[in-house]
Amino acid sequence: MLLAMSFIKAAPDREKMVYHSLKELDGVRKIYHIFGDHDLLLILEAENRNKLMDLIDHVEEMGSVNASRTMLVATEYSYLMITRDIRNEAFAAG
């Protein structure tokens, strides 16, 4: 399972409509109204990279979404695996 955070900038005066549209999408685990450069923060969940990319594409193609910025979230398991791999590489090189 992949997790991602996506910051969304909605068209002026369309934030509420975008919020309600995004809230209904499969794969949107949480949605928050935020203040700053972006209007919404989405927590996305997908089974694999292709499904996540499809979800992101769908969000970006919405007529009232002006911009988005998405980042993958490292789960505790993936973080531990990456850390272990780095340590093993350092040990083998040293």
C-alpha atoms as a PDB file:
ATOM      1  CA  MET A   1       0.000   0.000   0.000  1.00  0.00           C
ATOM      2  CA  LEU A   2       1.324   3.439  -0.954  1.00  0.00           C
ATOM      3  CA  LEU A   3       0.595   6.653   0.903  1.00  0.00           C
ATOM      4  CA  ALA A   4       1.026  10.137  -0.505  1.00  0.00           C
ATOM      5  CA  MET A   5       0.287  13.719   0.491  1.00  0.00           C
ATOM      6  CA  SER A   6      -1.010  16.074  -2.150  1.00  0.00           C
ATOM      7  CA  PHE A   7      -1.292  19.834  -1.771  1.00  0.00           C
ATOM      8  CA  ILE A   8      -4.063  21.270  -3.959  1.00  0.00           C
ATOM      9  CA  LYS A   9      -4.619  24.828  -5.147  1.00  0.00           C
ATOM     10  CA  ALA A  10      -8.224  25.340  -6.188  1.00  0.00           C
ATOM     11  CA  ALA A  11      -9.593  27.957  -8.558  1.00  0.00           C
ATOM     12  CA  PRO A  12     -10.683  31.120  -6.723  1.00  0.00           C
ATOM     13  CA  ASP A  13     -14.051  30.727  -4.992  1.00  0.00           C
ATOM     14  CA  ARG A  14     -14.161  27.009  -5.912  1.00  0.00           C
ATOM     15  CA  GLU A  15     -12.483  25.591  -2.804  1.00  0.00           C
ATOM     16  CA  LYS A  16     -15.687  24.204  -1.290  1.00  0.00           C
ATOM     17  CA  MET A  17     -16.750  22.502  -4.540  1.00  0.00           C
ATOM     18  CA  VAL A  18     -13.277  20.981  -5.017  1.00  0.00           C
ATOM     19  CA  TYR A  19     -13.259  19.814  -1.386  1.00  0.00           C
ATOM     20  CA  HIS A  20     -16.578  17.966  -1.759  1.00  0.00           C
ATOM     21  CA  SER A  21     -15.610  16.466  -5.128  1.00  0.00           C
ATOM     22  CA  LEU A  22     -12.273  15.185  -3.846  1.00  0.00           C
ATOM     23  CA  LYS A  23     -13.803  13.854  -0.633  1.00  0.00           C
ATOM     24  CA  GLU A  24     -15.850  11.380  -2.682  1.00  0.00           C
ATOM     25  CA  LEU A  25     -12.911   9.875  -4.617  1.00  0.00           C
ATOM     26  CA  ASP A  26     -11.739   6.350  -3.857  1.00  0.00           C
ATOM     27  CA  GLY A  27      -8.203   6.592  -2.558  1.00  0.00           C
ATOM     28  CA  VAL A  28      -8.642   9.893  -0.714  1.00  0.00           C
ATOM     29  CA  ARG A  29      -8.139   8.773   2.874  1.00  0.00           C
ATOM     30  CA  LYS A  30      -8.295  12.251   4.480  1.00  0.00           C
ATOM     31  CA  ILE A  31      -8.796  15.788   3.263  1.00  0.00           C
ATOM     32  CA  TYR A  32      -7.999  18.996   5.126  1.00  0.00           C
ATOM     33  CA  HIS A  33      -8.688  22.640   4.339  1.00  0.00           C
ATOM     34  CA  ILE A  34      -5.415  24.512   4.889  1.00  0.00           C
ATOM     35  CA  PHE A  35      -4.246  28.119   4.753  1.00  0.00           C
ATOM     36  CA  GLY A  36      -1.207  29.273   2.787  1.00  0.00           C
ATOM     37  CA  ASP A  37       0.002  28.683  -0.758  1.00  0.00           C
ATOM     38  CA  HIS A  38      -2.431  25.784  -1.202  1.00  0.00           C
ATOM     39  CA  ASP A  39      -6.071  25.290  -0.235  1.00  0.00           C
ATOM     40  CA  LEU A  40      -6.330  21.569   0.504  1.00  0.00           C
ATOM     41  CA  LEU A  41      -4.160  18.753   1.798  1.00  0.00           C
ATOM     42  CA  LEU A  42      -5.077  15.247   0.678  1.00  0.00           C
ATOM     43  CA  ILE A  43      -3.845  12.020   2.208  1.00  0.00           C
ATOM     44  CA  LEU A  44      -3.974   9.499  -0.617  1.00  0.00           C
ATOM     45  CA  GLU A  45      -3.786   5.714  -0.472  1.00  0.00           C
ATOM     46  CA  ALA A  46      -3.389   3.306  -3.378  1.00  0.00           C
ATOM     47  CA  GLU A  47      -2.550  -0.368  -3.853  1.00  0.00           C
ATOM     48  CA  ASN A  48       0.349   0.329  -6.196  1.00  0.00           C
ATOM     49  CA  ARG A  49       2.197   3.056  -8.065  1.00  0.00           C
ATOM     50  CA  ASN A  50       0.000   2.860 -11.179  1.00  0.00           C
ATOM     51  CA  LYS A  51      -3.210   3.304  -9.190  1.00  0.00           C
ATOM     52  CA  LEU A  52      -1.666   6.191  -7.281  1.00  0.00           C
ATOM     53  CA  MET A  53      -0.625   7.877 -10.530  1.00  0.00           C
ATOM     54  CA  ASP A  54      -4.145   7.368 -11.939  1.00  0.00           C
ATOM     55  CA  LEU A  55      -5.624   8.994  -8.830  1.00  0.00           C
ATOM     56  CA  ILE A  56      -3.214  11.935  -9.015  1.00  0.00           C
ATOM     57  CA  ASP A  57      -3.934  12.379 -12.730  1.00  0.00           C
ATOM     58  CA  HIS A  58      -7.676  12.389 -12.028  1.00  0.00           C
ATOM     59  CA  VAL A  59      -7.270  15.059  -9.339  1.00  0.00           C
ATOM     60  CA  GLU A  60      -5.060  17.236 -11.553  1.00  0.00           C
ATOM     61  CA  GLU A  61      -7.527  16.998 -14.465  1.00  0.00           C
ATOM     62  CA  MET A  62     -10.418  18.382 -12.420  1.00  0.00           C
ATOM     63  CA  GLY A  63     -11.460  21.683 -13.947  1.00  0.00           C
ATOM     64  CA  SER A  64     -11.265  23.658 -10.702  1.00  0.00           C
ATOM     65  CA  VAL A  65      -7.846  22.377  -9.611  1.00  0.00           C
ATOM     66  CA  ASN A  66      -5.240  24.946 -10.644  1.00  0.00           C
ATOM     67  CA  ALA A  67      -2.159  23.204  -9.235  1.00  0.00           C
ATOM     68  CA  SER A  68      -1.048  20.253  -7.156  1.00  0.00           C
ATOM     69  CA  ARG A  69       2.119  19.032  -5.506  1.00  0.00           C
ATOM     70  CA  THR A  70       2.350  15.417  -4.394  1.00  0.00           C
ATOM     71  CA  MET A  71       4.899  13.646  -2.190  1.00  0.00           C
ATOM     72  CA  LEU A  72       5.164   9.976  -1.309  1.00  0.00           C
ATOM     73  CA  VAL A  73       5.055   9.070   2.368  1.00  0.00           C
ATOM     74  CA  ALA A  74       7.600   6.600   3.711  1.00  0.00           C
ATOM     75  CA  THR A  75       5.788   4.195   5.998  1.00  0.00           C
ATOM     76  CA  GLU A  76       7.599   2.911   9.062  1.00  0.00           C
ATOM     77  CA  TYR A  77       8.257  -0.399   7.292  1.00  0.00           C
ATOM     78  CA  SER A  78       9.665   1.218   4.131  1.00  0.00           C
ATOM     79  CA  TYR A  79      11.755   3.622   6.215  1.00  0.00           C
ATOM     80  CA  LEU A  80      13.233   0.734   8.196  1.00  0.00           C
ATOM     81  CA  MET A  81      13.992  -1.196   4.984  1.00  0.00           C
ATOM     82  CA  ILE A  82      15.751   1.814   3.416  1.00  0.00           C
ATOM     83  CA  THR A  83      17.748   2.426   6.601  1.00  0.00           C
ATOM     84  CA  ARG A  84      18.755  -1.248   6.770  1.00  0.00           C
ATOM     85  CA  ASP A  85      19.872  -1.214   3.112  1.00  0.00           C
ATOM     86  CA  ILE A  86      21.974   1.918   3.673  1.00  0.00           C
ATOM     87  CA  ARG A  87      23.622   0.386   6.730  1.00  0.00           C
ATOM     88  CA  ASN A  88      24.361  -2.854   4.845  1.00  0.00           C
ATOM     89  CA  GLU A  89      25.910  -0.913   1.962  1.00  0.00           C
ATOM     90  CA  ALA A  90      28.064   1.105   4.360  1.00  0.00           C
ATOM     91  CA  PHE A  91      29.189  -2.059   6.171  1.00  0.00           C
ATOM     92  CA  ALA A  92      30.072  -3.814   2.886  1.00  0.00           C
ATOM     93  CA  ALA A  93      32.028  -0.775   1.654  1.00  0.00           C
ATOM     94  CA  GLY A  94      33.880  -0.298   4.911  1.00  0.00           C
END
